[in-house]
Structure formats: structure tokens, C-alpha cells
């Protein structure tokens, strides 16, 4: 029995061993593996079509030098979608509701894009801190603001993904609890609440996919600025 609605976001353990590693490894087991056949099956063809469409859309505005990130960002996209979707199943744990995990994804990826910009085009990277034509009295203020904006990017990435998934899970649990309590007292209201729960679940499925896409899309925009 859960003592709090936030207990569902605690990392599960068994015999003192954290099971978050198992939750992170499970999606890779579910993905269909490429085969040596000339014609793939429907599931593998659908997976290849999705990855190719996503990669073309994301990397269309990015320079050729940034296309080296295609495999990494496409894998991250599929991985995040799978984690988010599996977390909607009953009696499952969603690792992406942990801010520490999302920051572990966001900080290294963001830092890699910044380092690429510093190594390949230092002048262009430094020019972001001071727009052209800035009045002299505003130069120190703008440099401080742009610096804060740069370093807050990974925090915004991690918090956005965590907050959206956490809020959705909490709403689903609150409405499900309300429907369960109202069922013996007001069956009509409980049925209406259950319909709302189904609609909210569909919305949360869309949010799980969209937030994974937004996470990778913002990383690609950061990459575009530095290649």
C-alpha cells in the first residue's frame, strides 16, 4: 500500500539492489533486431521507416558535419520513447521521472555540443554572447544573461521531461483514486470520471512520445548552433 502519491516515483529495490538498471536495459531487449534476410518483416520495416523519417526530419537543417550525431540522437529518441511508454503500464517504474537520470542524459549531450562549437568555430560560439550592434552600456548585462541562458539549457531539458511525465502520472493516479472512491457512492459520477481517465491516459501516451521528441529536437538545435 502506497503512503503517498509520490511513492510511485521512488526507485524500486529488491534485496537492497536498485532495479533502475533493469528498467534501463529492458527496452533494448524489446527492439526487433536486424536480420540477414533480403525482406524484413512488418515490425522491423516499421521500425526502420520510423527511424529514417525521424533522422531525415531532424538533420535536414543541420550541416553535414553534424550528421555524425544521427545514430546517437536517433537511438536516444527511440530509447526515451520506449522508457516513457513502458512507464504507463501498470506496476511499472518510469526511470525518466527521475531528474537525476534526465540530467545524466542532458548534461553530457549539451556539453558535447558546446565543446564542438568551441573547437571548430570559437569566434562564432563567442559571438552568441554578444549580439551585433549592442549599445556599450548593455554589453556586460547581455553577456551575463547569455551566459546564464547557455548554462540553464541542460537544466531546462531535464526538468521539462521530468515535470511533464511526473505531472501526467500524478493526474492519472488522482483521477483513478477518485473514480474508485466514488464508485459505491455516486456510480454515474464514477463512470464519467473513468471516461476522463481514459482520455487522460491517451493524452499521456501522446505526451510520452512528444516529450522524447522535444528532448532530442532541442539537442539537435543546440548542435545546429555549433557545427
C-alpha atoms as a PDB file:
ATOM      1  CA  UNK A   1       0.000   0.000   0.000  1.00  0.00           C
ATOM      2  CA  UNK A   2       1.383   3.394  -1.008  1.00  0.00           C
ATOM      3  CA  UNK A   3       1.521   6.004   1.746  1.00  0.00           C
ATOM      4  CA  UNK A   4       1.899   8.876  -0.704  1.00  0.00           C
ATOM      5  CA  UNK A   5       1.141   9.599  -4.350  1.00  0.00           C
ATOM      6  CA  UNK A   6       4.845  10.293  -4.823  1.00  0.00           C
ATOM      7  CA  UNK A   7       5.859   6.784  -3.737  1.00  0.00           C
ATOM      8  CA  UNK A   8       5.405   5.629  -7.342  1.00  0.00           C
ATOM      9  CA  UNK A   9       8.412   7.751  -8.317  1.00  0.00           C
ATOM     10  CA  UNK A  10      10.778   6.099  -5.834  1.00  0.00           C
ATOM     11  CA  UNK A  11      13.434   3.901  -7.414  1.00  0.00           C
ATOM     12  CA  UNK A  12      12.426   0.263  -6.726  1.00  0.00           C
ATOM     13  CA  UNK A  13      14.846  -2.048  -4.961  1.00  0.00           C
ATOM     14  CA  UNK A  14      14.988  -5.782  -4.320  1.00  0.00           C
ATOM     15  CA  UNK A  15      17.161  -7.130  -1.520  1.00  0.00           C
ATOM     16  CA  UNK A  16      18.817  -3.736  -1.371  1.00  0.00           C
ATOM     17  CA  UNK A  17      19.681  -3.819  -5.102  1.00  0.00           C
ATOM     18  CA  UNK A  18      18.270  -0.912  -7.181  1.00  0.00           C
ATOM     19  CA  UNK A  19      16.213  -2.158 -10.108  1.00  0.00           C
ATOM     20  CA  UNK A  20      16.532   1.001 -12.185  1.00  0.00           C
ATOM     21  CA  UNK A  21      19.369  -0.670 -14.133  1.00  0.00           C
ATOM     22  CA  UNK A  22      16.966  -3.452 -15.148  1.00  0.00           C
ATOM     23  CA  UNK A  23      14.388  -0.861 -16.210  1.00  0.00           C
ATOM     24  CA  UNK A  24      17.013   0.842 -18.387  1.00  0.00           C
ATOM     25  CA  UNK A  25      18.125  -2.407 -20.026  1.00  0.00           C
ATOM     26  CA  UNK A  26      14.631  -3.759 -20.739  1.00  0.00           C
ATOM     27  CA  UNK A  27      13.838  -1.536 -23.769  1.00  0.00           C
ATOM     28  CA  UNK A  28      16.884  -2.786 -25.668  1.00  0.00           C
ATOM     29  CA  UNK A  29      15.593  -6.353 -25.315  1.00  0.00           C
ATOM     30  CA  UNK A  30      12.221  -5.423 -26.833  1.00  0.00           C
ATOM     31  CA  UNK A  31      13.571  -3.845 -30.020  1.00  0.00           C
ATOM     32  CA  UNK A  32      13.496  -6.122 -33.094  1.00  0.00           C
ATOM     33  CA  UNK A  33      16.992  -6.971 -34.312  1.00  0.00           C
ATOM     34  CA  UNK A  34      18.070  -6.621 -37.968  1.00  0.00           C
ATOM     35  CA  UNK A  35      18.218  -9.863 -39.905  1.00  0.00           C
ATOM     36  CA  UNK A  36      20.241 -11.139 -42.870  1.00  0.00           C
ATOM     37  CA  UNK A  37      17.097 -11.659 -44.961  1.00  0.00           C
ATOM     38  CA  UNK A  38      16.507  -9.668 -48.115  1.00  0.00           C
ATOM     39  CA  UNK A  39      12.997  -8.654 -46.999  1.00  0.00           C
ATOM     40  CA  UNK A  40      12.324  -7.602 -43.400  1.00  0.00           C
ATOM     41  CA  UNK A  41       9.151  -8.435 -41.515  1.00  0.00           C
ATOM     42  CA  UNK A  42       6.457  -5.805 -40.888  1.00  0.00           C
ATOM     43  CA  UNK A  43       7.644  -4.832 -37.404  1.00  0.00           C
ATOM     44  CA  UNK A  44      11.247  -4.348 -38.486  1.00  0.00           C
ATOM     45  CA  UNK A  45      10.161  -2.442 -41.601  1.00  0.00           C
ATOM     46  CA  UNK A  46       8.009  -0.140 -39.460  1.00  0.00           C
ATOM     47  CA  UNK A  47      10.889   0.464 -37.075  1.00  0.00           C
ATOM     48  CA  UNK A  48      13.274   1.271 -39.931  1.00  0.00           C
ATOM     49  CA  UNK A  49      10.741   3.611 -41.527  1.00  0.00           C
ATOM     50  CA  UNK A  50      10.218   5.467 -38.251  1.00  0.00           C
ATOM     51  CA  UNK A  51      13.938   5.880 -37.574  1.00  0.00           C
ATOM     52  CA  UNK A  52      14.680   7.002 -41.143  1.00  0.00           C
ATOM     53  CA  UNK A  53      11.819   9.524 -41.155  1.00  0.00           C
ATOM     54  CA  UNK A  54      12.851  10.937 -37.794  1.00  0.00           C
ATOM     55  CA  UNK A  55      16.508  11.191 -38.787  1.00  0.00           C
ATOM     56  CA  UNK A  56      15.733  12.963 -42.061  1.00  0.00           C
ATOM     57  CA  UNK A  57      13.442  15.447 -40.338  1.00  0.00           C
ATOM     58  CA  UNK A  58      15.841  16.253 -37.509  1.00  0.00           C
ATOM     59  CA  UNK A  59      19.031  16.534 -39.552  1.00  0.00           C
ATOM     60  CA  UNK A  60      17.611  18.333 -42.602  1.00  0.00           C
ATOM     61  CA  UNK A  61      18.659  21.844 -41.388  1.00  0.00           C
ATOM     62  CA  UNK A  62      21.955  20.666 -39.834  1.00  0.00           C
ATOM     63  CA  UNK A  63      25.273  20.900 -41.642  1.00  0.00           C
ATOM     64  CA  UNK A  64      26.942  17.758 -42.934  1.00  0.00           C
ATOM     65  CA  UNK A  65      29.444  17.901 -40.069  1.00  0.00           C
ATOM     66  CA  UNK A  66      26.607  17.321 -37.613  1.00  0.00           C
ATOM     67  CA  UNK A  67      25.297  14.220 -39.373  1.00  0.00           C
ATOM     68  CA  UNK A  68      27.727  12.146 -37.328  1.00  0.00           C
ATOM     69  CA  UNK A  69      25.246  12.514 -34.474  1.00  0.00           C
ATOM     70  CA  UNK A  70      22.458  10.774 -36.405  1.00  0.00           C
ATOM     71  CA  UNK A  71      22.889   7.345 -34.833  1.00  0.00           C
ATOM     72  CA  UNK A  72      23.274   8.780 -31.322  1.00  0.00           C
ATOM     73  CA  UNK A  73      20.225  11.061 -31.418  1.00  0.00           C
ATOM     74  CA  UNK A  74      18.023   8.505 -33.189  1.00  0.00           C
ATOM     75  CA  UNK A  75      18.935   5.866 -30.587  1.00  0.00           C
ATOM     76  CA  UNK A  76      18.260   8.332 -27.769  1.00  0.00           C
ATOM     77  CA  UNK A  77      14.879   9.191 -29.289  1.00  0.00           C
ATOM     78  CA  UNK A  78      13.760   5.556 -29.531  1.00  0.00           C
ATOM     79  CA  UNK A  79      15.131   4.804 -26.062  1.00  0.00           C
ATOM     80  CA  UNK A  80      13.291   7.700 -24.386  1.00  0.00           C
ATOM     81  CA  UNK A  81      10.015   6.901 -26.147  1.00  0.00           C
ATOM     82  CA  UNK A  82      10.238   3.281 -25.039  1.00  0.00           C
ATOM     83  CA  UNK A  83      11.011   4.209 -21.422  1.00  0.00           C
ATOM     84  CA  UNK A  84       8.141   6.704 -21.326  1.00  0.00           C
ATOM     85  CA  UNK A  85       5.644   4.291 -22.886  1.00  0.00           C
ATOM     86  CA  UNK A  86       6.607   1.339 -20.686  1.00  0.00           C
ATOM     87  CA  UNK A  87       6.120   3.563 -17.644  1.00  0.00           C
ATOM     88  CA  UNK A  88       2.420   3.868 -18.478  1.00  0.00           C
ATOM     89  CA  UNK A  89       1.849   0.150 -17.936  1.00  0.00           C
ATOM     90  CA  UNK A  90       0.527  -0.965 -14.531  1.00  0.00           C
ATOM     91  CA  UNK A  91       3.064  -1.986 -11.878  1.00  0.00           C
ATOM     92  CA  UNK A  92       5.964  -0.495 -13.799  1.00  0.00           C
ATOM     93  CA  UNK A  93       8.590   2.093 -12.944  1.00  0.00           C
ATOM     94  CA  UNK A  94       9.342   5.058 -15.195  1.00  0.00           C
ATOM     95  CA  UNK A  95      13.063   5.912 -14.991  1.00  0.00           C
ATOM     96  CA  UNK A  96      12.530   9.189 -16.865  1.00  0.00           C
ATOM     97  CA  UNK A  97      10.563  10.590 -13.919  1.00  0.00           C
ATOM     98  CA  UNK A  98      13.895  10.799 -12.085  1.00  0.00           C
ATOM     99  CA  UNK A  99      15.544  14.192 -12.530  1.00  0.00           C
ATOM    100  CA  UNK A 100      18.977  12.687 -11.882  1.00  0.00           C
ATOM    101  CA  UNK A 101      18.608  10.309 -14.843  1.00  0.00           C
ATOM    102  CA  UNK A 102      17.331  13.010 -17.194  1.00  0.00           C
ATOM    103  CA  UNK A 103      20.168  15.314 -16.187  1.00  0.00           C
ATOM    104  CA  UNK A 104      22.590  12.466 -16.856  1.00  0.00           C
ATOM    105  CA  UNK A 105      21.239  12.429 -20.424  1.00  0.00           C
ATOM    106  CA  UNK A 106      21.035  16.204 -20.857  1.00  0.00           C
ATOM    107  CA  UNK A 107      24.307  17.494 -19.399  1.00  0.00           C
ATOM    108  CA  UNK A 108      26.809  15.340 -21.362  1.00  0.00           C
ATOM    109  CA  UNK A 109      24.941  15.821 -24.652  1.00  0.00           C
ATOM    110  CA  UNK A 110      24.659  19.593 -24.186  1.00  0.00           C
ATOM    111  CA  UNK A 111      28.295  19.840 -23.091  1.00  0.00           C
ATOM    112  CA  UNK A 112      29.396  17.877 -26.160  1.00  0.00           C
ATOM    113  CA  UNK A 113      27.621  20.342 -28.470  1.00  0.00           C
ATOM    114  CA  UNK A 114      29.272  23.289 -26.692  1.00  0.00           C
ATOM    115  CA  UNK A 115      32.729  21.716 -26.883  1.00  0.00           C
ATOM    116  CA  UNK A 116      32.264  21.020 -30.590  1.00  0.00           C
ATOM    117  CA  UNK A 117      31.423  24.679 -31.142  1.00  0.00           C
ATOM    118  CA  UNK A 118      34.434  25.834 -29.119  1.00  0.00           C
ATOM    119  CA  UNK A 119      36.774  23.521 -31.013  1.00  0.00           C
ATOM    120  CA  UNK A 120      35.515  24.080 -34.553  1.00  0.00           C
ATOM    121  CA  UNK A 121      34.280  27.684 -34.586  1.00  0.00           C
ATOM    122  CA  UNK A 122      35.378  29.564 -31.480  1.00  0.00           C
ATOM    123  CA  UNK A 123      34.621  33.033 -32.863  1.00  0.00           C
ATOM    124  CA  UNK A 124      31.083  32.080 -33.873  1.00  0.00           C
ATOM    125  CA  UNK A 125      30.439  30.474 -30.486  1.00  0.00           C
ATOM    126  CA  UNK A 126      31.645  33.505 -28.564  1.00  0.00           C
ATOM    127  CA  UNK A 127      29.573  35.777 -30.816  1.00  0.00           C
ATOM    128  CA  UNK A 128      26.409  34.276 -29.303  1.00  0.00           C
ATOM    129  CA  UNK A 129      27.219  36.007 -26.017  1.00  0.00           C
ATOM    130  CA  UNK A 130      27.064  39.495 -27.559  1.00  0.00           C
ATOM    131  CA  UNK A 131      24.672  40.303 -30.451  1.00  0.00           C
ATOM    132  CA  UNK A 132      25.977  42.690 -33.076  1.00  0.00           C
ATOM    133  CA  UNK A 133      25.075  46.344 -32.587  1.00  0.00           C
ATOM    134  CA  UNK A 134      24.571  46.124 -28.825  1.00  0.00           C
ATOM    135  CA  UNK A 135      24.898  49.510 -27.068  1.00  0.00           C
ATOM    136  CA  UNK A 136      28.017  49.774 -24.932  1.00  0.00           C
ATOM    137  CA  UNK A 137      26.236  50.187 -21.543  1.00  0.00           C
ATOM    138  CA  UNK A 138      24.274  46.961 -22.142  1.00  0.00           C
ATOM    139  CA  UNK A 139      27.292  44.810 -23.054  1.00  0.00           C
ATOM    140  CA  UNK A 140      28.041  43.465 -19.507  1.00  0.00           C
ATOM    141  CA  UNK A 141      24.348  42.781 -18.814  1.00  0.00           C
ATOM    142  CA  UNK A 142      23.809  40.913 -22.092  1.00  0.00           C
ATOM    143  CA  UNK A 143      26.936  38.825 -21.621  1.00  0.00           C
ATOM    144  CA  UNK A 144      25.724  37.769 -18.160  1.00  0.00           C
ATOM    145  CA  UNK A 145      22.231  36.986 -19.469  1.00  0.00           C
ATOM    146  CA  UNK A 146      23.519  34.944 -22.413  1.00  0.00           C
ATOM    147  CA  UNK A 147      25.909  33.036 -20.143  1.00  0.00           C
ATOM    148  CA  UNK A 148      23.089  32.151 -17.758  1.00  0.00           C
ATOM    149  CA  UNK A 149      20.918  31.187 -20.740  1.00  0.00           C
ATOM    150  CA  UNK A 150      23.643  28.872 -22.012  1.00  0.00           C
ATOM    151  CA  UNK A 151      24.207  27.071 -18.734  1.00  0.00           C
ATOM    152  CA  UNK A 152      20.495  26.743 -17.956  1.00  0.00           C
ATOM    153  CA  UNK A 153      19.842  24.742 -21.130  1.00  0.00           C
ATOM    154  CA  UNK A 154      20.636  21.272 -19.721  1.00  0.00           C
ATOM    155  CA  UNK A 155      18.604  22.041 -16.605  1.00  0.00           C
ATOM    156  CA  UNK A 156      15.638  23.043 -18.773  1.00  0.00           C
ATOM    157  CA  UNK A 157      15.982  19.813 -20.782  1.00  0.00           C
ATOM    158  CA  UNK A 158      15.971  17.589 -17.707  1.00  0.00           C
ATOM    159  CA  UNK A 159      13.280  19.478 -15.786  1.00  0.00           C
ATOM    160  CA  UNK A 160      10.937  19.647 -18.804  1.00  0.00           C
ATOM    161  CA  UNK A 161      10.998  15.887 -19.330  1.00  0.00           C
ATOM    162  CA  UNK A 162      10.720  15.112 -15.612  1.00  0.00           C
ATOM    163  CA  UNK A 163       7.928  17.599 -14.885  1.00  0.00           C
ATOM    164  CA  UNK A 164       5.700  16.583 -17.797  1.00  0.00           C
ATOM    165  CA  UNK A 165       5.893  12.863 -17.057  1.00  0.00           C
ATOM    166  CA  UNK A 166       5.545  13.322 -13.290  1.00  0.00           C
ATOM    167  CA  UNK A 167       2.508  15.587 -13.661  1.00  0.00           C
ATOM    168  CA  UNK A 168       0.820  13.139 -16.028  1.00  0.00           C
ATOM    169  CA  UNK A 169       1.371  10.158 -13.738  1.00  0.00           C
ATOM    170  CA  UNK A 170       0.076  12.108 -10.735  1.00  0.00           C
ATOM    171  CA  UNK A 171      -3.069  13.198 -12.582  1.00  0.00           C
ATOM    172  CA  UNK A 172      -3.781   9.640 -13.697  1.00  0.00           C
ATOM    173  CA  UNK A 173      -3.382   8.330 -10.158  1.00  0.00           C
ATOM    174  CA  UNK A 174      -5.512  11.114  -8.646  1.00  0.00           C
ATOM    175  CA  UNK A 175      -8.376  10.590 -11.101  1.00  0.00           C
ATOM    176  CA  UNK A 176      -8.162   6.796 -10.771  1.00  0.00           C
ATOM    177  CA  UNK A 177      -8.349   7.107  -6.974  1.00  0.00           C
ATOM    178  CA  UNK A 178     -11.329   9.461  -7.274  1.00  0.00           C
ATOM    179  CA  UNK A 179     -13.158   7.043  -9.586  1.00  0.00           C
ATOM    180  CA  UNK A 180     -12.511   4.134  -7.210  1.00  0.00           C
ATOM    181  CA  UNK A 181     -13.802   6.095  -4.196  1.00  0.00           C
ATOM    182  CA  UNK A 182     -16.863   7.469  -5.996  1.00  0.00           C
ATOM    183  CA  UNK A 183     -17.947   4.114  -7.458  1.00  0.00           C
ATOM    184  CA  UNK A 184     -20.011   2.913  -4.446  1.00  0.00           C
ATOM    185  CA  UNK A 185     -21.250   6.421  -3.605  1.00  0.00           C
ATOM    186  CA  UNK A 186     -22.070   8.005  -6.984  1.00  0.00           C
ATOM    187  CA  UNK A 187     -21.786   5.441  -9.795  1.00  0.00           C
ATOM    188  CA  UNK A 188     -22.716   7.937 -12.537  1.00  0.00           C
ATOM    189  CA  UNK A 189     -20.002  10.374 -11.496  1.00  0.00           C
ATOM    190  CA  UNK A 190     -17.554   7.483 -11.199  1.00  0.00           C
ATOM    191  CA  UNK A 191     -18.303   6.393 -14.787  1.00  0.00           C
ATOM    192  CA  UNK A 192     -17.807   9.934 -16.058  1.00  0.00           C
ATOM    193  CA  UNK A 193     -14.561  10.112 -14.095  1.00  0.00           C
ATOM    194  CA  UNK A 194     -13.444   6.823 -15.649  1.00  0.00           C
ATOM    195  CA  UNK A 195     -14.110   8.214 -19.143  1.00  0.00           C
ATOM    196  CA  UNK A 196     -11.995  11.230 -18.224  1.00  0.00           C
ATOM    197  CA  UNK A 197      -9.294   8.834 -17.032  1.00  0.00           C
ATOM    198  CA  UNK A 198      -9.253   7.031 -20.384  1.00  0.00           C
ATOM    199  CA  UNK A 199      -8.947  10.331 -22.244  1.00  0.00           C
ATOM    200  CA  UNK A 200      -6.176  11.469 -19.918  1.00  0.00           C
ATOM    201  CA  UNK A 201      -4.339   8.195 -20.473  1.00  0.00           C
ATOM    202  CA  UNK A 202      -4.471   8.746 -24.237  1.00  0.00           C
ATOM    203  CA  UNK A 203      -3.150  12.266 -23.681  1.00  0.00           C
ATOM    204  CA  UNK A 204      -0.335  10.913 -21.546  1.00  0.00           C
ATOM    205  CA  UNK A 205       0.626   8.476 -24.301  1.00  0.00           C
ATOM    206  CA  UNK A 206       0.933  11.446 -26.657  1.00  0.00           C
ATOM    207  CA  UNK A 207       2.915  13.397 -24.047  1.00  0.00           C
ATOM    208  CA  UNK A 208       5.297  10.457 -23.571  1.00  0.00           C
ATOM    209  CA  UNK A 209       6.113  10.449 -27.287  1.00  0.00           C
ATOM    210  CA  UNK A 210       6.155  14.226 -27.738  1.00  0.00           C
ATOM    211  CA  UNK A 211       8.460  14.894 -24.785  1.00  0.00           C
ATOM    212  CA  UNK A 212      11.014  12.388 -26.063  1.00  0.00           C
ATOM    213  CA  UNK A 213      10.850  14.075 -29.467  1.00  0.00           C
ATOM    214  CA  UNK A 214      11.198  17.565 -27.942  1.00  0.00           C
ATOM    215  CA  UNK A 215      14.198  16.450 -25.871  1.00  0.00           C
ATOM    216  CA  UNK A 216      16.074  15.251 -28.948  1.00  0.00           C
ATOM    217  CA  UNK A 217      14.847  18.153 -31.098  1.00  0.00           C
ATOM    218  CA  UNK A 218      16.295  20.712 -28.682  1.00  0.00           C
ATOM    219  CA  UNK A 219      19.586  18.830 -28.610  1.00  0.00           C
ATOM    220  CA  UNK A 220      19.662  18.953 -32.415  1.00  0.00           C
ATOM    221  CA  UNK A 221      19.054  22.726 -32.292  1.00  0.00           C
ATOM    222  CA  UNK A 222      21.962  23.126 -29.888  1.00  0.00           C
ATOM    223  CA  UNK A 223      24.060  21.031 -32.238  1.00  0.00           C
ATOM    224  CA  UNK A 224      22.991  23.141 -35.204  1.00  0.00           C
ATOM    225  CA  UNK A 225      24.323  26.276 -33.500  1.00  0.00           C
ATOM    226  CA  UNK A 226      27.754  24.750 -33.018  1.00  0.00           C
ATOM    227  CA  UNK A 227      28.511  22.946 -36.300  1.00  0.00           C
END
